[in-house]
Amino acid sequence: MNDVTQRLLRTGVSIGAGFIGSKVVEAIWKAATGDDEAPTTDDDQATLLKVVAFATISAGVSALLEVGSQRLVSKAVSKTGNTKAQQLGRAEV
């Protein structure tokens, strides 16, 4: 697998993981708070605590999914026998 294919694969997996992660965080937020939407900084009814809590949870889930998905892709690519696969993502983590 060449470098371009690896980068495209990593990008696709990252986008997919980000989409799934945002949906999971929104569903958990809705179940925990009962609010239909996540708070935004423009929302006058949202407290600062809710905005900061949602931002922190979202960032944490995003970071975990990013690292996990990149490691998963690295393992999958390294099984194909490409020695450059292990070097490609090291500086990102």
PDB file of N, CA and C in Angstrom:
ATOM      1  N   MET A   1       0.855  -1.166   0.000  1.00  0.00           N
ATOM      2  CA  MET A   1       0.000   0.000   0.000  1.00  0.00           C
ATOM      3  C   MET A   1       0.901   1.228   0.000  1.00  0.00           C
ATOM      4  N   ASN A   2       0.664   2.134  -0.915  1.00  0.00           N
ATOM      5  CA  ASN A   2       1.530   3.309  -0.999  1.00  0.00           C
ATOM      6  C   ASN A   2       1.092   4.398  -0.018  1.00  0.00           C
ATOM      7  N   ASP A   3       1.919   5.439   0.093  1.00  0.00           N
ATOM      8  CA  ASP A   3       1.672   6.502   1.064  1.00  0.00           C
ATOM      9  C   ASP A   3       0.372   7.250   0.809  1.00  0.00           C
ATOM     10  N   VAL A   4       0.043   7.480  -0.443  1.00  0.00           N
ATOM     11  CA  VAL A   4      -1.186   8.212  -0.768  1.00  0.00           C
ATOM     12  C   VAL A   4      -2.405   7.417  -0.311  1.00  0.00           C
ATOM     13  N   THR A   5      -2.396   6.132  -0.565  1.00  0.00           N
ATOM     14  CA  THR A   5      -3.513   5.284  -0.142  1.00  0.00           C
ATOM     15  C   THR A   5      -3.622   5.257   1.376  1.00  0.00           C
ATOM     16  N   GLN A   6      -2.481   5.183   2.052  1.00  0.00           N
ATOM     17  CA  GLN A   6      -2.494   5.195   3.517  1.00  0.00           C
ATOM     18  C   GLN A   6      -3.079   6.494   4.052  1.00  0.00           C
ATOM     19  N   ARG A   7      -2.678   7.589   3.477  1.00  0.00           N
ATOM     20  CA  ARG A   7      -3.181   8.888   3.942  1.00  0.00           C
ATOM     21  C   ARG A   7      -4.680   9.031   3.682  1.00  0.00           C
ATOM     22  N   LEU A   8      -5.119   8.569   2.533  1.00  0.00           N
ATOM     23  CA  LEU A   8      -6.553   8.609   2.240  1.00  0.00           C
ATOM     24  C   LEU A   8      -7.332   7.712   3.196  1.00  0.00           C
ATOM     25  N   LEU A   9      -6.789   6.545   3.481  1.00  0.00           N
ATOM     26  CA  LEU A   9      -7.434   5.628   4.415  1.00  0.00           C
ATOM     27  C   LEU A   9      -7.512   6.244   5.807  1.00  0.00           C
ATOM     28  N   ARG A  10      -6.413   6.824   6.255  1.00  0.00           N
ATOM     29  CA  ARG A  10      -6.397   7.466   7.576  1.00  0.00           C
ATOM     30  C   ARG A  10      -7.391   8.630   7.635  1.00  0.00           C
ATOM     31  N   THR A  11      -7.443   9.420   6.578  1.00  0.00           N
ATOM     32  CA  THR A  11      -8.372  10.547   6.540  1.00  0.00           C
ATOM     33  C   THR A  11      -9.815  10.066   6.572  1.00  0.00           C
ATOM     34  N   GLY A  12     -10.118   9.057   5.779  1.00  0.00           N
ATOM     35  CA  GLY A  12     -11.475   8.517   5.758  1.00  0.00           C
ATOM     36  C   GLY A  12     -11.893   7.937   7.092  1.00  0.00           C
ATOM     37  N   VAL A  13     -10.987   7.205   7.726  1.00  0.00           N
ATOM     38  CA  VAL A  13     -11.291   6.621   9.033  1.00  0.00           C
ATOM     39  C   VAL A  13     -11.467   7.724  10.070  1.00  0.00           C
ATOM     40  N   SER A  14     -10.647   8.762  10.021  1.00  0.00           N
ATOM     41  CA  SER A  14     -10.776   9.874  10.968  1.00  0.00           C
ATOM     42  C   SER A  14     -12.104  10.605  10.804  1.00  0.00           C
ATOM     43  N   ILE A  15     -12.498  10.839   9.567  1.00  0.00           N
ATOM     44  CA  ILE A  15     -13.776  11.512   9.319  1.00  0.00           C
ATOM     45  C   ILE A  15     -14.933  10.650   9.809  1.00  0.00           C
ATOM     46  N   GLY A  16     -14.881   9.368   9.501  1.00  0.00           N
ATOM     47  CA  GLY A  16     -15.931   8.455   9.953  1.00  0.00           C
ATOM     48  C   GLY A  16     -16.005   8.368  11.465  1.00  0.00           C
ATOM     49  N   ALA A  17     -14.849   8.277  12.111  1.00  0.00           N
ATOM     50  CA  ALA A  17     -14.820   8.208  13.572  1.00  0.00           C
ATOM     51  C   ALA A  17     -15.337   9.505  14.187  1.00  0.00           C
ATOM     52  N   GLY A  18     -14.995  10.627  13.583  1.00  0.00           N
ATOM     53  CA  GLY A  18     -15.490  11.912  14.085  1.00  0.00           C
ATOM     54  C   GLY A  18     -16.995  12.038  13.968  1.00  0.00           C
ATOM     55  N   PHE A  19     -17.542  11.572  12.853  1.00  0.00           N
ATOM     56  CA  PHE A  19     -18.991  11.618  12.655  1.00  0.00           C
ATOM     57  C   PHE A  19     -19.700  10.733  13.678  1.00  0.00           C
ATOM     58  N   ILE A  20     -19.214   9.516  13.823  1.00  0.00           N
ATOM     59  CA  ILE A  20     -19.819   8.585  14.787  1.00  0.00           C
ATOM     60  C   ILE A  20     -19.675   9.127  16.203  1.00  0.00           C
ATOM     61  N   GLY A  21     -18.509   9.673  16.515  1.00  0.00           N
ATOM     62  CA  GLY A  21     -18.282  10.228  17.848  1.00  0.00           C
ATOM     63  C   GLY A  21     -19.212  11.378  18.172  1.00  0.00           C
ATOM     64  N   SER A  22     -19.439  12.260  17.209  1.00  0.00           N
ATOM     65  CA  SER A  22     -20.334  13.393  17.463  1.00  0.00           C
ATOM     66  C   SER A  22     -21.765  12.926  17.690  1.00  0.00           C
ATOM     67  N   LYS A  23     -22.188  11.912  16.943  1.00  0.00           N
ATOM     68  CA  LYS A  23     -23.539  11.377  17.135  1.00  0.00           C
ATOM     69  C   LYS A  23     -23.673  10.699  18.494  1.00  0.00           C
ATOM     70  N   VAL A  24     -22.637   9.983  18.916  1.00  0.00           N
ATOM     71  CA  VAL A  24     -22.665   9.313  20.219  1.00  0.00           C
ATOM     72  C   VAL A  24     -22.705  10.344  21.345  1.00  0.00           C
ATOM     73  N   VAL A  25     -21.876  11.375  21.252  1.00  0.00           N
ATOM     74  CA  VAL A  25     -21.852  12.410  22.292  1.00  0.00           C
ATOM     75  C   VAL A  25     -23.193  13.131  22.359  1.00  0.00           C
ATOM     76  N   GLU A  26     -23.785  13.434  21.209  1.00  0.00           N
ATOM     77  CA  GLU A  26     -25.097  14.091  21.205  1.00  0.00           C
ATOM     78  C   GLU A  26     -26.167  13.203  21.830  1.00  0.00           C
ATOM     79  N   ALA A  27     -26.130  11.909  21.532  1.00  0.00           N
ATOM     80  CA  ALA A  27     -27.116  10.986  22.103  1.00  0.00           C
ATOM     81  C   ALA A  27     -26.940  10.862  23.611  1.00  0.00           C
ATOM     82  N   ILE A  28     -25.703  10.782  24.067  1.00  0.00           N
ATOM     83  CA  ILE A  28     -25.445  10.696  25.507  1.00  0.00           C
ATOM     84  C   ILE A  28     -25.866  11.991  26.192  1.00  0.00           C
ATOM     85  N   TRP A  29     -25.572  13.114  25.561  1.00  0.00           N
ATOM     86  CA  TRP A  29     -25.954  14.407  26.140  1.00  0.00           C
ATOM     87  C   TRP A  29     -27.471  14.509  26.264  1.00  0.00           C
ATOM     88  N   LYS A  30     -28.174  14.092  25.225  1.00  0.00           N
ATOM     89  CA  LYS A  30     -29.637  14.146  25.243  1.00  0.00           C
ATOM     90  C   LYS A  30     -30.197  13.233  26.329  1.00  0.00           C
ATOM     91  N   ALA A  31     -29.623  12.040  26.482  1.00  0.00           N
ATOM     92  CA  ALA A  31     -30.096  11.106  27.502  1.00  0.00           C
ATOM     93  C   ALA A  31     -29.790  11.615  28.913  1.00  0.00           C
ATOM     94  N   ALA A  32     -28.644  12.250  29.086  1.00  0.00           N
ATOM     95  CA  ALA A  32     -28.235  12.699  30.417  1.00  0.00           C
ATOM     96  C   ALA A  32     -28.942  13.976  30.852  1.00  0.00           C
ATOM     97  N   THR A  33     -29.143  14.905  29.919  1.00  0.00           N
ATOM     98  CA  THR A  33     -29.703  16.203  30.299  1.00  0.00           C
ATOM     99  C   THR A  33     -31.155  16.391  29.892  1.00  0.00           C
ATOM    100  N   GLY A  34     -31.591  15.651  28.894  1.00  0.00           N
ATOM    101  CA  GLY A  34     -32.944  15.829  28.391  1.00  0.00           C
ATOM    102  C   GLY A  34     -33.064  16.947  27.366  1.00  0.00           C
ATOM    103  N   ASP A  35     -31.976  17.665  27.123  1.00  0.00           N
ATOM    104  CA  ASP A  35     -31.977  18.728  26.114  1.00  0.00           C
ATOM    105  C   ASP A  35     -31.905  18.111  24.725  1.00  0.00           C
ATOM    106  N   ASP A  36     -32.665  18.687  23.785  1.00  0.00           N
ATOM    107  CA  ASP A  36     -32.661  18.159  22.424  1.00  0.00           C
ATOM    108  C   ASP A  36     -31.370  18.467  21.680  1.00  0.00           C
ATOM    109  N   GLU A  37     -30.775  19.609  21.970  1.00  0.00           N
ATOM    110  CA  GLU A  37     -29.561  20.023  21.276  1.00  0.00           C
ATOM    111  C   GLU A  37     -28.450  20.305  22.274  1.00  0.00           C
ATOM    112  N   ALA A  38     -27.250  20.204  21.784  1.00  0.00           N
ATOM    113  CA  ALA A  38     -26.092  20.541  22.608  1.00  0.00           C
ATOM    114  C   ALA A  38     -26.042  22.055  22.794  1.00  0.00           C
ATOM    115  N   PRO A  39     -25.534  22.509  23.917  1.00  0.00           N
ATOM    116  CA  PRO A  39     -25.467  23.952  24.141  1.00  0.00           C
ATOM    117  C   PRO A  39     -24.405  24.601  23.259  1.00  0.00           C
ATOM    118  N   THR A  40     -24.674  25.822  22.877  1.00  0.00           N
ATOM    119  CA  THR A  40     -23.706  26.606  22.107  1.00  0.00           C
ATOM    120  C   THR A  40     -23.424  27.897  22.859  1.00  0.00           C
ATOM    121  N   THR A  41     -22.405  28.592  22.449  1.00  0.00           N
ATOM    122  CA  THR A  41     -22.068  29.851  23.114  1.00  0.00           C
ATOM    123  C   THR A  41     -23.091  30.941  22.811  1.00  0.00           C
ATOM    124  N   ASP A  42     -23.857  30.781  21.736  1.00  0.00           N
ATOM    125  CA  ASP A  42     -24.877  31.768  21.379  1.00  0.00           C
ATOM    126  C   ASP A  42     -26.194  31.544  22.109  1.00  0.00           C
ATOM    127  N   ASP A  43     -26.349  30.389  22.729  1.00  0.00           N
ATOM    128  CA  ASP A  43     -27.590  30.038  23.409  1.00  0.00           C
ATOM    129  C   ASP A  43     -27.668  30.782  24.740  1.00  0.00           C
ATOM    130  N   ASP A  44     -28.676  31.645  24.885  1.00  0.00           N
ATOM    131  CA  ASP A  44     -28.817  32.437  26.108  1.00  0.00           C
ATOM    132  C   ASP A  44     -29.279  31.604  27.295  1.00  0.00           C
ATOM    133  N   GLN A  45     -29.956  30.500  27.053  1.00  0.00           N
ATOM    134  CA  GLN A  45     -30.482  29.680  28.140  1.00  0.00           C
ATOM    135  C   GLN A  45     -29.463  28.668  28.669  1.00  0.00           C
ATOM    136  N   ALA A  46     -28.409  28.434  27.933  1.00  0.00           N
ATOM    137  CA  ALA A  46     -27.391  27.477  28.358  1.00  0.00           C
ATOM    138  C   ALA A  46     -26.472  28.126  29.390  1.00  0.00           C
ATOM    139  N   THR A  47     -26.227  27.397  30.450  1.00  0.00           N
ATOM    140  CA  THR A  47     -25.309  27.909  31.457  1.00  0.00           C
ATOM    141  C   THR A  47     -23.877  27.673  30.997  1.00  0.00           C
ATOM    142  N   LEU A  48     -22.978  28.421  31.584  1.00  0.00           N
ATOM    143  CA  LEU A  48     -21.565  28.265  31.245  1.00  0.00           C
ATOM    144  C   LEU A  48     -21.091  26.857  31.589  1.00  0.00           C
ATOM    145  N   LEU A  49     -21.601  26.307  32.674  1.00  0.00           N
ATOM    146  CA  LEU A  49     -21.223  24.953  33.081  1.00  0.00           C
ATOM    147  C   LEU A  49     -21.612  23.929  32.018  1.00  0.00           C
ATOM    148  N   LYS A  50     -22.806  24.064  31.452  1.00  0.00           N
ATOM    149  CA  LYS A  50     -23.242  23.132  30.406  1.00  0.00           C
ATOM    150  C   LYS A  50     -22.380  23.256  29.153  1.00  0.00           C
ATOM    151  N   VAL A  51     -22.065  24.479  28.773  1.00  0.00           N
ATOM    152  CA  VAL A  51     -21.252  24.691  27.575  1.00  0.00           C
ATOM    153  C   VAL A  51     -19.856  24.103  27.773  1.00  0.00           C
ATOM    154  N   VAL A  52     -19.249  24.368  28.920  1.00  0.00           N
ATOM    155  CA  VAL A  52     -17.906  23.853  29.197  1.00  0.00           C
ATOM    156  C   VAL A  52     -17.925  22.334  29.328  1.00  0.00           C
ATOM    157  N   ALA A  53     -18.946  21.790  29.974  1.00  0.00           N
ATOM    158  CA  ALA A  53     -19.043  20.335  30.127  1.00  0.00           C
ATOM    159  C   ALA A  53     -19.179  19.650  28.774  1.00  0.00           C
ATOM    160  N   PHE A  54     -20.036  20.178  27.921  1.00  0.00           N
ATOM    161  CA  PHE A  54     -20.205  19.569  26.603  1.00  0.00           C
ATOM    162  C   PHE A  54     -18.929  19.680  25.775  1.00  0.00           C
ATOM    163  N   ALA A  55     -18.272  20.820  25.825  1.00  0.00           N
ATOM    164  CA  ALA A  55     -17.029  20.998  25.065  1.00  0.00           C
ATOM    165  C   ALA A  55     -15.944  20.044  25.555  1.00  0.00           C
ATOM    166  N   THR A  56     -15.852  19.861  26.858  1.00  0.00           N
ATOM    167  CA  THR A  56     -14.846  18.960  27.425  1.00  0.00           C
ATOM    168  C   THR A  56     -15.116  17.516  27.040  1.00  0.00           C
ATOM    169  N   ILE A  57     -16.366  17.099  27.158  1.00  0.00           N
ATOM    170  CA  ILE A  57     -16.731  15.724  26.797  1.00  0.00           C
ATOM    171  C   ILE A  57     -16.495  15.487  25.309  1.00  0.00           C
ATOM    172  N   SER A  58     -16.889  16.433  24.487  1.00  0.00           N
ATOM    173  CA  SER A  58     -16.701  16.298  23.037  1.00  0.00           C
ATOM    174  C   SER A  58     -15.225  16.199  22.670  1.00  0.00           C
ATOM    175  N   ALA A  59     -14.408  17.034  23.278  1.00  0.00           N
ATOM    176  CA  ALA A  59     -12.972  17.014  22.980  1.00  0.00           C
ATOM    177  C   ALA A  59     -12.335  15.709  23.432  1.00  0.00           C
ATOM    178  N   GLY A  60     -12.730  15.219  24.597  1.00  0.00           N
ATOM    179  CA  GLY A  60     -12.184  13.959  25.095  1.00  0.00           C
ATOM    180  C   GLY A  60     -12.539  12.785  24.210  1.00  0.00           C
ATOM    181  N   VAL A  61     -13.801  12.706  23.830  1.00  0.00           N
ATOM    182  CA  VAL A  61     -14.238  11.615  22.950  1.00  0.00           C
ATOM    183  C   VAL A  61     -13.553  11.727  21.594  1.00  0.00           C
ATOM    184  N   SER A  62     -13.430  12.934  21.091  1.00  0.00           N
ATOM    185  CA  SER A  62     -12.773  13.144  19.802  1.00  0.00           C
ATOM    186  C   SER A  62     -11.310  12.702  19.843  1.00  0.00           C
ATOM    187  N   ALA A  63     -10.605  13.052  20.901  1.00  0.00           N
ATOM    188  CA  ALA A  63      -9.196  12.658  21.019  1.00  0.00           C
ATOM    189  C   ALA A  63      -9.046  11.147  21.119  1.00  0.00           C
ATOM    190  N   LEU A  64      -9.897  10.513  21.910  1.00  0.00           N
ATOM    191  CA  LEU A  64      -9.837   9.054  22.040  1.00  0.00           C
ATOM    192  C   LEU A  64     -10.122   8.357  20.720  1.00  0.00           C
ATOM    193  N   LEU A  65     -11.124   8.829  20.009  1.00  0.00           N
ATOM    194  CA  LEU A  65     -11.449   8.218  18.722  1.00  0.00           C
ATOM    195  C   LEU A  65     -10.352   8.449  17.690  1.00  0.00           C
ATOM    196  N   GLU A  66      -9.756   9.610  17.711  1.00  0.00           N
ATOM    197  CA  GLU A  66      -8.678   9.909  16.762  1.00  0.00           C
ATOM    198  C   GLU A  66      -7.487   8.982  16.983  1.00  0.00           C
ATOM    199  N   VAL A  67      -7.048   8.876  18.223  1.00  0.00           N
ATOM    200  CA  VAL A  67      -5.904   8.013  18.521  1.00  0.00           C
ATOM    201  C   VAL A  67      -6.247   6.555  18.247  1.00  0.00           C
ATOM    202  N   GLY A  68      -7.422   6.139  18.684  1.00  0.00           N
ATOM    203  CA  GLY A  68      -7.825   4.748  18.468  1.00  0.00           C
ATOM    204  C   GLY A  68      -7.955   4.388  17.007  1.00  0.00           C
ATOM    205  N   SER A  69      -8.547   5.267  16.227  1.00  0.00           N
ATOM    206  CA  SER A  69      -8.721   4.964  14.804  1.00  0.00           C
ATOM    207  C   SER A  69      -7.382   4.948  14.078  1.00  0.00           C
ATOM    208  N   GLN A  70      -6.479   5.850  14.431  1.00  0.00           N
ATOM    209  CA  GLN A  70      -5.171   5.869  13.782  1.00  0.00           C
ATOM    210  C   GLN A  70      -4.356   4.628  14.134  1.00  0.00           C
ATOM    211  N   ARG A  71      -4.462   4.182  15.375  1.00  0.00           N
ATOM    212  CA  ARG A  71      -3.754   2.954  15.758  1.00  0.00           C
ATOM    213  C   ARG A  71      -4.350   1.746  15.054  1.00  0.00           C
ATOM    214  N   LEU A  72      -5.655   1.733  14.909  1.00  0.00           N
ATOM    215  CA  LEU A  72      -6.309   0.631  14.206  1.00  0.00           C
ATOM    216  C   LEU A  72      -5.866   0.578  12.748  1.00  0.00           C
ATOM    217  N   VAL A  73      -5.806   1.728  12.106  1.00  0.00           N
ATOM    218  CA  VAL A  73      -5.356   1.773  10.715  1.00  0.00           C
ATOM    219  C   VAL A  73      -3.887   1.360  10.626  1.00  0.00           C
ATOM    220  N   SER A  74      -3.065   1.792  11.575  1.00  0.00           N
ATOM    221  CA  SER A  74      -1.652   1.411  11.562  1.00  0.00           C
ATOM    222  C   SER A  74      -1.488  -0.096  11.672  1.00  0.00           C
ATOM    223  N   LYS A  75      -2.271  -0.722  12.553  1.00  0.00           N
ATOM    224  CA  LYS A  75      -2.209  -2.180  12.682  1.00  0.00           C
ATOM    225  C   LYS A  75      -2.652  -2.859  11.400  1.00  0.00           C
ATOM    226  N   ALA A  76      -3.723  -2.372  10.815  1.00  0.00           N
ATOM    227  CA  ALA A  76      -4.240  -2.986   9.592  1.00  0.00           C
ATOM    228  C   ALA A  76      -3.251  -2.840   8.442  1.00  0.00           C
ATOM    229  N   VAL A  77      -2.643  -1.671   8.328  1.00  0.00           N
ATOM    230  CA  VAL A  77      -1.701  -1.439   7.244  1.00  0.00           C
ATOM    231  C   VAL A  77      -0.411  -2.224   7.472  1.00  0.00           C
ATOM    232  N   SER A  78       0.026  -2.339   8.726  1.00  0.00           N
ATOM    233  CA  SER A  78       1.258  -3.079   8.994  1.00  0.00           C
ATOM    234  C   SER A  78       1.090  -4.563   8.704  1.00  0.00           C
ATOM    235  N   LYS A  79      -0.124  -5.068   8.801  1.00  0.00           N
ATOM    236  CA  LYS A  79      -0.369  -6.473   8.473  1.00  0.00           C
ATOM    237  C   LYS A  79      -0.249  -6.733   6.978  1.00  0.00           C
ATOM    238  N   THR A  80      -0.324  -5.682   6.177  1.00  0.00           N
ATOM    239  CA  THR A  80      -0.164  -5.856   4.734  1.00  0.00           C
ATOM    240  C   THR A  80       1.303  -5.992   4.347  1.00  0.00           C
ATOM    241  N   GLY A  81       2.210  -5.761   5.298  1.00  0.00           N
ATOM    242  CA  GLY A  81       3.628  -5.931   5.028  1.00  0.00           C
ATOM    243  C   GLY A  81       4.355  -4.661   4.663  1.00  0.00           C
ATOM    244  N   ASN A  82       3.709  -3.522   4.782  1.00  0.00           N
ATOM    245  CA  ASN A  82       4.345  -2.250   4.445  1.00  0.00           C
ATOM    246  C   ASN A  82       5.106  -1.737   5.665  1.00  0.00           C
ATOM    247  N   THR A  83       6.400  -1.538   5.544  1.00  0.00           N
ATOM    248  CA  THR A  83       7.208  -1.102   6.682  1.00  0.00           C
ATOM    249  C   THR A  83       7.050   0.383   6.979  1.00  0.00           C
ATOM    250  N   LYS A  84       6.630   1.183   6.018  1.00  0.00           N
ATOM    251  CA  LYS A  84       6.443   2.614   6.252  1.00  0.00           C
ATOM    252  C   LYS A  84       5.169   2.902   7.037  1.00  0.00           C
ATOM    253  N   ALA A  85       4.287   1.951   7.153  1.00  0.00           N
ATOM    254  CA  ALA A  85       3.002   2.174   7.814  1.00  0.00           C
ATOM    255  C   ALA A  85       3.181   2.535   9.274  1.00  0.00           C
ATOM    256  N   GLN A  86       4.169   1.983   9.922  1.00  0.00           N
ATOM    257  CA  GLN A  86       4.360   2.260  11.334  1.00  0.00           C
ATOM    258  C   GLN A  86       4.939   3.649  11.559  1.00  0.00           C
ATOM    259  N   GLN A  87       5.650   4.193  10.602  1.00  0.00           N
ATOM    260  CA  GLN A  87       6.272   5.493  10.755  1.00  0.00           C
ATOM    261  C   GLN A  87       5.320   6.637  10.441  1.00  0.00           C
ATOM    262  N   LEU A  88       4.282   6.395   9.684  1.00  0.00           N
ATOM    263  CA  LEU A  88       3.443   7.467   9.165  1.00  0.00           C
ATOM    264  C   LEU A  88       2.714   8.236  10.253  1.00  0.00           C
ATOM    265  N   GLY A  89       2.225   7.597  11.296  1.00  0.00           N
ATOM    266  CA  GLY A  89       1.408   8.286  12.281  1.00  0.00           C
ATOM    267  C   GLY A  89       2.087   8.601  13.585  1.00  0.00           C
ATOM    268  N   ARG A  90       3.357   8.349  13.736  1.00  0.00           N
ATOM    269  CA  ARG A  90       4.016   8.517  15.030  1.00  0.00           C
ATOM    270  C   ARG A  90       4.034   9.958  15.519  1.00  0.00           C
ATOM    271  N   ALA A  91       4.294  10.897  14.663  1.00  0.00           N
ATOM    272  CA  ALA A  91       4.396  12.289  15.089  1.00  0.00           C
ATOM    273  C   ALA A  91       3.039  12.872  15.451  1.00  0.00           C
ATOM    274  N   GLU A  92       1.956  12.264  14.996  1.00  0.00           N
ATOM    275  CA  GLU A  92       0.620  12.795  15.248  1.00  0.00           C
ATOM    276  C   GLU A  92       0.166  12.537  16.674  1.00  0.00           C
ATOM    277  N   VAL A  93       0.639  11.465  17.288  1.00  0.00           N
ATOM    278  CA  VAL A  93       0.124  11.063  18.600  1.00  0.00           C
ATOM    279  C   VAL A  93       0.962  11.607  19.708  1.00  0.00           C
TER     280      VAL A  93
END
